[in-house]
Amino acid sequence: MAIVMPYLTESGIECERAYAIVQEAVVTKGDGHLVMYKGAVYANEAAYHDGFRPVQRFRELRFELDLSAEDNIIQQAYLHLKTQPGFEYAEDDLVIGEEE
């Protein structure tokens, strides 16, 4: 799973169909279940699959895990990512075999 969107990097690079992936998500239990996740933004899907470096990384993004949700932790991370500045226009890039 990934998300695609128009994206402007912090260094001013405009990516028409940037490809963002969540690479890791960790849950810590305290008063609730806090998820911290990180990932990367690539210029486009081909750049990701061809092994190029990301144009930007994101890390230490946090949200409270919804244990009653049908979405797993990674899906919830993507949903949270789409609420962050720069990712507002993101759309899901479904993997072959997944349904909308």
Protein backbone atom coordinates (compact mmCIF):
# COMPACT_ATOMS: atom_id res chain seq x y z
CA MET A 1 0.00 0.00 0.00
CA ALA A 2 1.07 3.56 -0.65
CA ILE A 3 -0.48 6.95 -1.26
CA VAL A 4 0.01 9.21 -4.26
CA MET A 5 -0.42 12.96 -4.43
CA PRO A 6 1.00 16.21 -5.72
CA TYR A 7 3.82 17.10 -3.34
CA LEU A 8 6.18 20.02 -2.78
CA THR A 9 9.31 19.04 -0.85
CA GLU A 10 10.95 21.27 1.75
CA SER A 11 13.67 22.02 -0.82
CA GLY A 12 11.11 23.21 -3.40
CA ILE A 13 10.97 20.14 -5.64
CA GLU A 14 7.51 19.72 -7.15
CA CYS A 15 6.39 16.12 -7.64
CA GLU A 16 3.24 15.71 -9.68
CA ARG A 17 2.47 12.16 -8.47
CA ALA A 18 4.67 11.63 -5.44
CA TYR A 19 4.60 8.16 -3.92
CA ALA A 20 4.59 7.96 -0.12
CA ILE A 21 5.07 4.78 1.86
CA VAL A 22 4.91 4.01 5.57
CA GLN A 23 8.05 2.01 6.35
CA GLU A 24 7.65 1.31 10.05
CA ALA A 25 5.05 1.70 12.79
CA VAL A 26 5.63 1.03 16.48
CA VAL A 27 3.00 0.90 19.23
CA THR A 28 3.72 1.89 22.82
CA LYS A 29 1.20 1.17 25.52
CA GLY A 30 0.61 3.72 28.23
CA ASP A 31 -2.71 5.36 28.96
CA GLY A 32 -3.66 4.23 25.45
CA HIS A 33 -1.92 2.76 22.43
CA LEU A 34 0.27 5.43 20.86
CA VAL A 35 1.56 4.69 17.37
CA MET A 36 4.74 6.33 16.10
CA TYR A 37 5.49 5.81 12.42
CA LYS A 38 7.93 6.86 9.74
CA GLY A 39 8.27 6.59 6.00
CA ALA A 40 9.42 8.25 2.82
CA VAL A 41 8.19 10.23 -0.16
CA TYR A 42 9.52 9.34 -3.60
CA ALA A 43 9.28 11.49 -6.73
CA ASN A 44 6.91 8.92 -8.23
CA GLU A 45 6.12 5.21 -8.11
CA ALA A 46 8.79 4.32 -10.66
CA ALA A 47 11.47 6.04 -8.56
CA TYR A 48 10.43 3.91 -5.59
CA HIS A 49 10.41 0.63 -7.52
CA ASP A 50 13.68 1.46 -9.31
CA GLY A 51 15.47 1.96 -5.98
CA PHE A 52 16.07 5.71 -6.15
CA ARG A 53 16.41 7.68 -2.93
CA PRO A 54 13.35 9.41 -1.53
CA VAL A 55 12.92 13.14 -2.08
CA GLN A 56 11.89 13.47 1.55
CA ARG A 57 11.38 11.41 4.69
CA PHE A 58 8.85 11.75 7.48
CA ARG A 59 9.32 10.39 10.98
CA GLU A 60 8.00 10.55 14.48
CA LEU A 61 4.42 11.11 13.37
CA ARG A 62 2.03 9.97 16.10
CA PHE A 63 -1.58 9.02 16.60
CA GLU A 64 -3.71 7.02 19.01
CA LEU A 65 -4.42 3.52 17.69
CA ASP A 66 -8.13 2.77 17.34
CA LEU A 67 -8.43 -0.81 18.59
CA SER A 68 -12.07 -1.02 17.51
CA ALA A 69 -11.34 -0.07 13.88
CA GLU A 70 -11.37 -2.61 11.08
CA ASP A 71 -8.21 -1.02 9.65
CA ASN A 72 -4.90 -2.48 10.78
CA ILE A 73 -2.08 -0.37 12.23
CA ILE A 74 -0.51 0.39 8.83
CA GLN A 75 -3.83 1.35 7.27
CA GLN A 76 -4.48 3.65 10.25
CA ALA A 77 -1.02 5.18 9.77
CA TYR A 78 -1.87 5.98 6.13
CA LEU A 79 -5.20 7.49 7.20
CA HIS A 80 -3.36 9.65 9.72
CA LEU A 81 -0.68 10.62 7.20
CA LYS A 82 -3.37 11.92 4.85
CA THR A 83 -4.36 14.46 7.54
CA GLN A 84 -0.84 15.93 7.73
CA PRO A 85 0.28 19.12 5.91
CA GLY A 86 1.40 18.29 2.37
CA PHE A 87 -0.57 15.05 2.24
CA GLU A 88 -4.11 16.46 2.19
CA TYR A 89 -4.74 15.54 -1.46
CA ALA A 90 -3.34 12.02 -1.23
CA GLU A 91 -5.20 9.07 -2.67
CA ASP A 92 -4.68 5.40 -1.90
CA ASP A 93 -2.56 3.47 -4.35
CA LEU A 94 -4.01 -0.01 -4.01
CA VAL A 95 -1.92 -3.12 -4.43
CA ILE A 96 -3.03 -5.60 -7.09
CA GLY A 97 -5.73 -7.81 -5.61
CA GLU A 98 -7.02 -5.18 -3.17
CA GLU A 99 -10.44 -3.71 -3.61
CA GLU A 100 -11.55 -0.17 -2.90
